[in-house]
PDB file of N, CA and C in Angstrom:
ATOM      1  N   MET A   1       0.853  -1.161   0.000  1.00  0.00           N
ATOM      2  CA  MET A   1       0.000   0.000   0.000  1.00  0.00           C
ATOM      3  C   MET A   1       0.900   1.226   0.000  1.00  0.00           C
ATOM      4  N   LYS A   2       0.529   2.227  -0.757  1.00  0.00           N
ATOM      5  CA  LYS A   2       1.295   3.466  -0.808  1.00  0.00           C
ATOM      6  C   LYS A   2       1.176   4.188   0.529  1.00  0.00           C
ATOM      7  N   LYS A   3       2.297   4.709   1.010  1.00  0.00           N
ATOM      8  CA  LYS A   3       2.295   5.406   2.294  1.00  0.00           C
ATOM      9  C   LYS A   3       2.356   6.907   2.075  1.00  0.00           C
ATOM     10  N   THR A   4       1.875   7.636   3.069  1.00  0.00           N
ATOM     11  CA  THR A   4       1.929   9.089   3.053  1.00  0.00           C
ATOM     12  C   THR A   4       2.523   9.564   4.369  1.00  0.00           C
ATOM     13  N   THR A   5       2.947  10.801   4.406  1.00  0.00           N
ATOM     14  CA  THR A   5       3.558  11.366   5.605  1.00  0.00           C
ATOM     15  C   THR A   5       2.518  12.135   6.396  1.00  0.00           C
ATOM     16  N   VAL A   6       2.546  11.959   7.716  1.00  0.00           N
ATOM     17  CA  VAL A   6       1.645  12.665   8.621  1.00  0.00           C
ATOM     18  C   VAL A   6       2.501  13.603   9.469  1.00  0.00           C
ATOM     19  N   GLN A   7       2.101  14.861   9.534  1.00  0.00           N
ATOM     20  CA  GLN A   7       2.816  15.819  10.374  1.00  0.00           C
ATOM     21  C   GLN A   7       1.895  16.265  11.501  1.00  0.00           C
ATOM     22  N   ILE A   8       2.465  16.343  12.711  1.00  0.00           N
ATOM     23  CA  ILE A   8       1.703  16.837  13.850  1.00  0.00           C
ATOM     24  C   ILE A   8       2.549  17.863  14.594  1.00  0.00           C
ATOM     25  N   SER A   9       1.884  18.730  15.329  1.00  0.00           N
ATOM     26  CA  SER A   9       2.578  19.683  16.191  1.00  0.00           C
ATOM     27  C   SER A   9       2.630  19.093  17.596  1.00  0.00           C
ATOM     28  N   PHE A  10       3.778  19.234  18.229  1.00  0.00           N
ATOM     29  CA  PHE A  10       3.970  18.698  19.568  1.00  0.00           C
ATOM     30  C   PHE A  10       5.004  19.573  20.260  1.00  0.00           C
ATOM     31  N   GLU A  11       4.851  19.769  21.551  1.00  0.00           N
ATOM     32  CA  GLU A  11       5.774  20.626  22.279  1.00  0.00           C
ATOM     33  C   GLU A  11       7.191  20.071  22.204  1.00  0.00           C
ATOM     34  N   ALA A  12       8.141  20.927  21.825  1.00  0.00           N
ATOM     35  CA  ALA A  12       9.516  20.515  21.581  1.00  0.00           C
ATOM     36  C   ALA A  12      10.160  19.890  22.814  1.00  0.00           C
ATOM     37  N   GLU A  13       9.942  20.477  23.981  1.00  0.00           N
ATOM     38  CA  GLU A  13      10.562  19.946  25.195  1.00  0.00           C
ATOM     39  C   GLU A  13      10.056  18.542  25.505  1.00  0.00           C
ATOM     40  N   LYS A  14       8.779  18.312  25.285  1.00  0.00           N
ATOM     41  CA  LYS A  14       8.219  16.977  25.518  1.00  0.00           C
ATOM     42  C   LYS A  14       8.796  15.967  24.518  1.00  0.00           C
ATOM     43  N   LEU A  15       8.957  16.393  23.285  1.00  0.00           N
ATOM     44  CA  LEU A  15       9.523  15.497  22.273  1.00  0.00           C
ATOM     45  C   LEU A  15      10.979  15.162  22.605  1.00  0.00           C
ATOM     46  N   ARG A  16      11.743  16.153  23.051  1.00  0.00           N
ATOM     47  CA  ARG A  16      13.124  15.884  23.474  1.00  0.00           C
ATOM     48  C   ARG A  16      13.152  14.871  24.621  1.00  0.00           C
ATOM     49  N   ALA A  17      12.219  14.983  25.546  1.00  0.00           N
ATOM     50  CA  ALA A  17      12.149  14.032  26.657  1.00  0.00           C
ATOM     51  C   ALA A  17      11.839  12.629  26.154  1.00  0.00           C
ATOM     52  N   ILE A  18      10.945  12.524  25.201  1.00  0.00           N
ATOM     53  CA  ILE A  18      10.633  11.207  24.609  1.00  0.00           C
ATOM     54  C   ILE A  18      11.894  10.620  23.992  1.00  0.00           C
ATOM     55  N   HIS A  19      12.599  11.416  23.195  1.00  0.00           N
ATOM     56  CA  HIS A  19      13.828  10.937  22.553  1.00  0.00           C
ATOM     57  C   HIS A  19      14.872  10.524  23.593  1.00  0.00           C
ATOM     58  N   GLN A  20      14.940  11.247  24.683  1.00  0.00           N
ATOM     59  CA  GLN A  20      15.933  10.952  25.722  1.00  0.00           C
ATOM     60  C   GLN A  20      15.673   9.596  26.369  1.00  0.00           C
ATOM     61  N   TYR A  21      14.408   9.268  26.586  1.00  0.00           N
ATOM     62  CA  TYR A  21      14.087   8.046  27.324  1.00  0.00           C
ATOM     63  C   TYR A  21      13.722   6.850  26.450  1.00  0.00           C
ATOM     64  N   MET A  22      13.571   7.072  25.170  1.00  0.00           N
ATOM     65  CA  MET A  22      13.329   5.937  24.270  1.00  0.00           C
ATOM     66  C   MET A  22      14.671   5.425  23.773  1.00  0.00           C
ATOM     67  N   LYS A  23      14.691   4.146  23.420  1.00  0.00           N
ATOM     68  CA  LYS A  23      15.949   3.533  22.986  1.00  0.00           C
ATOM     69  C   LYS A  23      16.455   4.138  21.677  1.00  0.00           C
ATOM     70  N   ASP A  24      15.574   4.266  20.709  1.00  0.00           N
ATOM     71  CA  ASP A  24      15.992   4.836  19.425  1.00  0.00           C
ATOM     72  C   ASP A  24      14.800   5.393  18.656  1.00  0.00           C
ATOM     73  N   GLU A  25      15.104   6.044  17.565  1.00  0.00           N
ATOM     74  CA  GLU A  25      14.079   6.689  16.739  1.00  0.00           C
ATOM     75  C   GLU A  25      13.109   5.676  16.143  1.00  0.00           C
ATOM     76  N   THR A  26      13.590   4.492  15.816  1.00  0.00           N
ATOM     77  CA  THR A  26      12.705   3.498  15.207  1.00  0.00           C
ATOM     78  C   THR A  26      11.652   3.011  16.193  1.00  0.00           C
ATOM     79  N   GLU A  27      11.967   3.034  17.483  1.00  0.00           N
ATOM     80  CA  GLU A  27      10.977   2.645  18.486  1.00  0.00           C
ATOM     81  C   GLU A  27       9.818   3.646  18.515  1.00  0.00           C
ATOM     82  N   LEU A  28      10.155   4.933  18.434  1.00  0.00           N
ATOM     83  CA  LEU A  28       9.122   5.973  18.394  1.00  0.00           C
ATOM     84  C   LEU A  28       8.258   5.790  17.154  1.00  0.00           C
ATOM     85  N   GLN A  29       8.892   5.569  16.019  1.00  0.00           N
ATOM     86  CA  GLN A  29       8.160   5.376  14.762  1.00  0.00           C
ATOM     87  C   GLN A  29       7.239   4.159  14.857  1.00  0.00           C
ATOM     88  N   ALA A  30       7.725   3.087  15.439  1.00  0.00           N
ATOM     89  CA  ALA A  30       6.926   1.869  15.570  1.00  0.00           C
ATOM     90  C   ALA A  30       5.708   2.100  16.458  1.00  0.00           C
ATOM     91  N   GLU A  31       5.894   2.812  17.541  1.00  0.00           N
ATOM     92  CA  GLU A  31       4.762   3.090  18.438  1.00  0.00           C
ATOM     93  C   GLU A  31       3.741   4.002  17.771  1.00  0.00           C
ATOM     94  N   LEU A  32       4.211   4.994  17.024  1.00  0.00           N
ATOM     95  CA  LEU A  32       3.276   5.867  16.308  1.00  0.00           C
ATOM     96  C   LEU A  32       2.512   5.087  15.240  1.00  0.00           C
ATOM     97  N   ASP A  33       3.197   4.198  14.539  1.00  0.00           N
ATOM     98  CA  ASP A  33       2.523   3.349  13.547  1.00  0.00           C
ATOM     99  C   ASP A  33       1.435   2.504  14.203  1.00  0.00           C
ATOM    100  N   THR A  34       1.753   1.936  15.367  1.00  0.00           N
ATOM    101  CA  THR A  34       0.782   1.114  16.097  1.00  0.00           C
ATOM    102  C   THR A  34      -0.429   1.940  16.519  1.00  0.00           C
ATOM    103  N   LEU A  35      -0.175   3.146  17.005  1.00  0.00           N
ATOM    104  CA  LEU A  35      -1.284   4.013  17.413  1.00  0.00           C
ATOM    105  C   LEU A  35      -2.177   4.386  16.233  1.00  0.00           C
ATOM    106  N   LEU A  36      -1.574   4.706  15.104  1.00  0.00           N
ATOM    107  CA  LEU A  36      -2.378   5.040  13.922  1.00  0.00           C
ATOM    108  C   LEU A  36      -3.186   3.833  13.445  1.00  0.00           C
ATOM    109  N   GLN A  37      -2.580   2.655  13.479  1.00  0.00           N
ATOM    110  CA  GLN A  37      -3.304   1.442  13.086  1.00  0.00           C
ATOM    111  C   GLN A  37      -4.493   1.208  14.014  1.00  0.00           C
ATOM    112  N   THR A  38      -4.295   1.437  15.315  1.00  0.00           N
ATOM    113  CA  THR A  38      -5.376   1.276  16.292  1.00  0.00           C
ATOM    114  C   THR A  38      -6.508   2.257  16.010  1.00  0.00           C
ATOM    115  N   LEU A  39      -6.154   3.507  15.715  1.00  0.00           N
ATOM    116  CA  LEU A  39      -7.183   4.507  15.377  1.00  0.00           C
ATOM    117  C   LEU A  39      -7.940   4.111  14.110  1.00  0.00           C
ATOM    118  N   TYR A  40      -7.210   3.626  13.124  1.00  0.00           N
ATOM    119  CA  TYR A  40      -7.824   3.182  11.874  1.00  0.00           C
ATOM    120  C   TYR A  40      -8.838   2.067  12.137  1.00  0.00           C
ATOM    121  N   GLU A  41      -8.426   1.073  12.900  1.00  0.00           N
ATOM    122  CA  GLU A  41      -9.306  -0.054  13.187  1.00  0.00           C
ATOM    123  C   GLU A  41     -10.492   0.354  14.058  1.00  0.00           C
ATOM    124  N   LYS A  42     -10.306   1.344  14.906  1.00  0.00           N
ATOM    125  CA  LYS A  42     -11.383   1.793  15.794  1.00  0.00           C
ATOM    126  C   LYS A  42     -12.436   2.605  15.031  1.00  0.00           C
ATOM    127  N   HIS A  43     -12.003   3.453  14.111  1.00  0.00           N
ATOM    128  CA  HIS A  43     -12.925   4.406  13.503  1.00  0.00           C
ATOM    129  C   HIS A  43     -13.416   4.030  12.103  1.00  0.00           C
ATOM    130  N   VAL A  44     -12.652   3.243  11.370  1.00  0.00           N
ATOM    131  CA  VAL A  44     -13.062   2.878  10.011  1.00  0.00           C
ATOM    132  C   VAL A  44     -13.852   1.578  10.086  1.00  0.00           C
ATOM    133  N   PRO A  45     -15.086   1.584   9.562  1.00  0.00           N
ATOM    134  CA  PRO A  45     -15.913   0.368   9.622  1.00  0.00           C
ATOM    135  C   PRO A  45     -15.238  -0.818   8.921  1.00  0.00           C
ATOM    136  N   ALA A  46     -15.482  -2.004   9.447  1.00  0.00           N
ATOM    137  CA  ALA A  46     -14.872  -3.223   8.917  1.00  0.00           C
ATOM    138  C   ALA A  46     -15.106  -3.406   7.411  1.00  0.00           C
ATOM    139  N   PRO A  47     -16.326  -3.162   6.891  1.00  0.00           N
ATOM    140  CA  PRO A  47     -16.514  -3.336   5.442  1.00  0.00           C
ATOM    141  C   PRO A  47     -15.626  -2.399   4.614  1.00  0.00           C
ATOM    142  N   VAL A  48     -15.399  -1.198   5.111  1.00  0.00           N
ATOM    143  CA  VAL A  48     -14.538  -0.250   4.395  1.00  0.00           C
ATOM    144  C   VAL A  48     -13.087  -0.738   4.447  1.00  0.00           C
ATOM    145  N   ARG A  49     -12.653  -1.222   5.598  1.00  0.00           N
ATOM    146  CA  ARG A  49     -11.289  -1.749   5.726  1.00  0.00           C
ATOM    147  C   ARG A  49     -11.093  -2.943   4.790  1.00  0.00           C
ATOM    148  N   GLU A  50     -12.091  -3.817   4.725  1.00  0.00           N
ATOM    149  CA  GLU A  50     -12.005  -4.977   3.839  1.00  0.00           C
ATOM    150  C   GLU A  50     -11.930  -4.550   2.379  1.00  0.00           C
ATOM    151  N   TYR A  51     -12.716  -3.542   2.017  1.00  0.00           N
ATOM    152  CA  TYR A  51     -12.682  -3.021   0.646  1.00  0.00           C
ATOM    153  C   TYR A  51     -11.297  -2.466   0.317  1.00  0.00           C
ATOM    154  N   ILE A  52     -10.736  -1.679   1.225  1.00  0.00           N
ATOM    155  CA  ILE A  52      -9.405  -1.099   1.007  1.00  0.00           C
ATOM    156  C   ILE A  52      -8.368  -2.206   0.861  1.00  0.00           C
ATOM    157  N   GLU A  53      -8.430  -3.205   1.719  1.00  0.00           N
ATOM    158  CA  GLU A  53      -7.482  -4.313   1.637  1.00  0.00           C
ATOM    159  C   GLU A  53      -7.631  -5.084   0.330  1.00  0.00           C
ATOM    160  N   SER A  54      -8.862  -5.288  -0.126  1.00  0.00           N
ATOM    161  CA  SER A  54      -9.060  -6.031  -1.374  1.00  0.00           C
ATOM    162  C   SER A  54      -8.526  -5.243  -2.567  1.00  0.00           C
ATOM    163  N   ARG A  55      -8.650  -3.933  -2.530  1.00  0.00           N
ATOM    164  CA  ARG A  55      -8.100  -3.095  -3.607  1.00  0.00           C
ATOM    165  C   ARG A  55      -6.582  -3.173  -3.601  1.00  0.00           C
ATOM    166  N   ASN A  56      -5.980  -3.183  -2.427  1.00  0.00           N
ATOM    167  CA  ASN A  56      -4.524  -3.202  -2.340  1.00  0.00           C
ATOM    168  C   ASN A  56      -3.947  -4.524  -2.803  1.00  0.00           C
ATOM    169  N   THR A  57      -4.598  -5.633  -2.521  1.00  0.00           N
ATOM    170  CA  THR A  57      -4.061  -6.919  -2.951  1.00  0.00           C
ATOM    171  C   THR A  57      -4.187  -7.068  -4.459  1.00  0.00           C
ATOM    172  N   SER A  58      -5.246  -6.534  -5.067  1.00  0.00           N
ATOM    173  CA  SER A  58      -5.379  -6.641  -6.518  1.00  0.00           C
ATOM    174  C   SER A  58      -4.387  -5.727  -7.216  1.00  0.00           C
ATOM    175  N   VAL A  59      -4.038  -4.603  -6.629  1.00  0.00           N
ATOM    176  CA  VAL A  59      -3.057  -3.700  -7.217  1.00  0.00           C
ATOM    177  C   VAL A  59      -1.660  -4.291  -7.110  1.00  0.00           C
ATOM    178  N   MET A  60      -1.383  -4.993  -6.019  1.00  0.00           N
ATOM    179  CA  MET A  60      -0.055  -5.539  -5.795  1.00  0.00           C
ATOM    180  C   MET A  60       0.221  -6.769  -6.640  1.00  0.00           C
ATOM    181  N   ASP A  61      -0.816  -7.493  -7.065  1.00  0.00           N
ATOM    182  CA  ASP A  61      -0.619  -8.670  -7.896  1.00  0.00           C
ATOM    183  C   ASP A  61      -0.194  -8.221  -9.288  1.00  0.00           C
ATOM    184  N   PRO A  62       0.952  -8.700  -9.781  1.00  0.00           N
ATOM    185  CA  PRO A  62       1.375  -8.291 -11.122  1.00  0.00           C
ATOM    186  C   PRO A  62       0.434  -8.881 -12.166  1.00  0.00           C
ATOM    187  N   PRO A  63       0.245  -8.180 -13.265  1.00  0.00           N
ATOM    188  CA  PRO A  63      -0.634  -8.716 -14.308  1.00  0.00           C
ATOM    189  C   PRO A  63      -0.036  -9.997 -14.886  1.00  0.00           C
ATOM    190  N   LYS A  64      -0.908 -10.929 -15.184  1.00  0.00           N
ATOM    191  CA  LYS A  64      -0.463 -12.195 -15.737  1.00  0.00           C
ATOM    192  C   LYS A  64      -0.154 -12.002 -17.223  1.00  0.00           C
ATOM    193  N   ARG A  65       1.016 -12.488 -17.632  1.00  0.00           N
ATOM    194  CA  ARG A  65       1.424 -12.354 -19.019  1.00  0.00           C
ATOM    195  C   ARG A  65       1.243 -13.687 -19.730  1.00  0.00           C
ATOM    196  N   SER A  66       0.937 -13.612 -20.983  1.00  0.00           N
ATOM    197  CA  SER A  66       0.765 -14.812 -21.788  1.00  0.00           C
ATOM    198  C   SER A  66       2.118 -15.485 -22.011  1.00  0.00           C
ATOM    199  N   THR A  67       2.119 -16.821 -22.041  1.00  0.00           N
ATOM    200  CA  THR A  67       3.367 -17.547 -22.258  1.00  0.00           C
ATOM    201  C   THR A  67       3.518 -17.987 -23.707  1.00  0.00           C
ATOM    202  N   ARG A  68       2.539 -17.703 -24.548  1.00  0.00           N
ATOM    203  CA  ARG A  68       2.654 -18.115 -25.941  1.00  0.00           C
ATOM    204  C   ARG A  68       3.586 -17.168 -26.697  1.00  0.00           C
ATOM    205  N   ALA A  69       4.145 -17.651 -27.778  1.00  0.00           N
ATOM    206  CA  ALA A  69       5.091 -16.863 -28.567  1.00  0.00           C
ATOM    207  C   ALA A  69       4.369 -15.722 -29.265  1.00  0.00           C
ATOM    208  N   ALA A  70       5.077 -14.661 -29.477  1.00  0.00           N
ATOM    209  CA  ALA A  70       4.500 -13.501 -30.160  1.00  0.00           C
ATOM    210  C   ALA A  70       4.272 -13.845 -31.626  1.00  0.00           C
ATOM    211  N   ALA A  71       3.184 -13.336 -32.173  1.00  0.00           N
ATOM    212  CA  ALA A  71       2.867 -13.569 -33.579  1.00  0.00           C
ATOM    213  C   ALA A  71       3.811 -12.745 -34.453  1.00  0.00           C
ATOM    214  N   PRO A  72       4.175 -13.240 -35.629  1.00  0.00           N
ATOM    215  CA  PRO A  72       5.047 -12.467 -36.527  1.00  0.00           C
ATOM    216  C   PRO A  72       4.380 -11.146 -36.895  1.00  0.00           C
ATOM    217  N   THR A  73       5.181 -10.113 -37.021  1.00  0.00           N
ATOM    218  CA  THR A  73       4.622  -8.794 -37.298  1.00  0.00           C
ATOM    219  C   THR A  73       4.451  -8.533 -38.776  1.00  0.00           C
ATOM    220  N   GLY A  74       5.096  -9.339 -39.621  1.00  0.00           N
ATOM    221  CA  GLY A  74       4.957  -9.134 -41.053  1.00  0.00           C
ATOM    222  C   GLY A  74       5.976  -8.149 -41.588  1.00  0.00           C
ATOM    223  N   LEU A  75       6.789  -7.604 -40.753  1.00  0.00           N
ATOM    224  CA  LEU A  75       7.830  -6.679 -41.190  1.00  0.00           C
ATOM    225  C   LEU A  75       9.089  -7.470 -41.508  1.00  0.00           C
ATOM    226  N   SER A  76       9.755  -7.087 -42.545  1.00  0.00           N
ATOM    227  CA  SER A  76      10.997  -7.778 -42.877  1.00  0.00           C
ATOM    228  C   SER A  76      12.164  -6.957 -42.370  1.00  0.00           C
ATOM    229  N   SER A  77      13.273  -7.637 -42.173  1.00  0.00           N
ATOM    230  CA  SER A  77      14.469  -6.941 -41.710  1.00  0.00           C
ATOM    231  C   SER A  77      15.197  -6.341 -42.906  1.00  0.00           C
ATOM    232  N   PRO A  78      16.000  -5.304 -42.697  1.00  0.00           N
ATOM    233  CA  PRO A  78      16.756  -4.702 -43.813  1.00  0.00           C
ATOM    234  C   PRO A  78      17.690  -5.715 -44.478  1.00  0.00           C
ATOM    235  N   ALA A  79      18.264  -6.653 -43.732  1.00  0.00           N
ATOM    236  CA  ALA A  79      19.146  -7.656 -44.312  1.00  0.00           C
ATOM    237  C   ALA A  79      18.381  -8.568 -45.253  1.00  0.00           C
ATOM    238  N   ALA A  80      17.163  -8.917 -44.900  1.00  0.00           N
ATOM    239  CA  ALA A  80      16.355  -9.788 -45.752  1.00  0.00           C
ATOM    240  C   ALA A  80      15.956  -9.067 -47.024  1.00  0.00           C
ATOM    241  N   ASP A  81      15.690  -7.760 -46.947  1.00  0.00           N
ATOM    242  CA  ASP A  81      15.294  -6.984 -48.125  1.00  0.00           C
ATOM    243  C   ASP A  81      16.452  -6.828 -49.096  1.00  0.00           C
ATOM    244  N   SER A  82      17.669  -6.766 -48.641  1.00  0.00           N
ATOM    245  CA  SER A  82      18.818  -6.527 -49.523  1.00  0.00           C
ATOM    246  C   SER A  82      19.163  -7.765 -50.339  1.00  0.00           C
ATOM    247  N   LYS A  83      18.703  -8.957 -49.947  1.00  0.00           N
ATOM    248  CA  LYS A  83      19.003 -10.179 -50.688  1.00  0.00           C
ATOM    249  C   LYS A  83      18.143 -10.311 -51.922  1.00  0.00           C
ATOM    250  N   GLU A  84      17.068  -9.601 -52.014  1.00  0.00           N
ATOM    251  CA  GLU A  84      16.141  -9.781 -53.142  1.00  0.00           C
ATOM    252  C   GLU A  84      16.558  -9.005 -54.336  1.00  0.00           C
TER     253      GLU A  84
END
């Protein structure tokens, strides 16, 4: 699924405190991702979530290509034309 960036305002001193006491930046990102997922599941009705998921799986599946050989185009190569 394509991702987008979310920006929020938060008091700088509080954010510095979070960074000081968290192990690393990825932990903060992981917790924010979890919170957003929880909000999504809480507020978006299940049928809508299922619809979104079904659209994403069909988009992610690559189109099936034919395995048969390509039909001749009927164009001749310049080398073949020079022999005549």
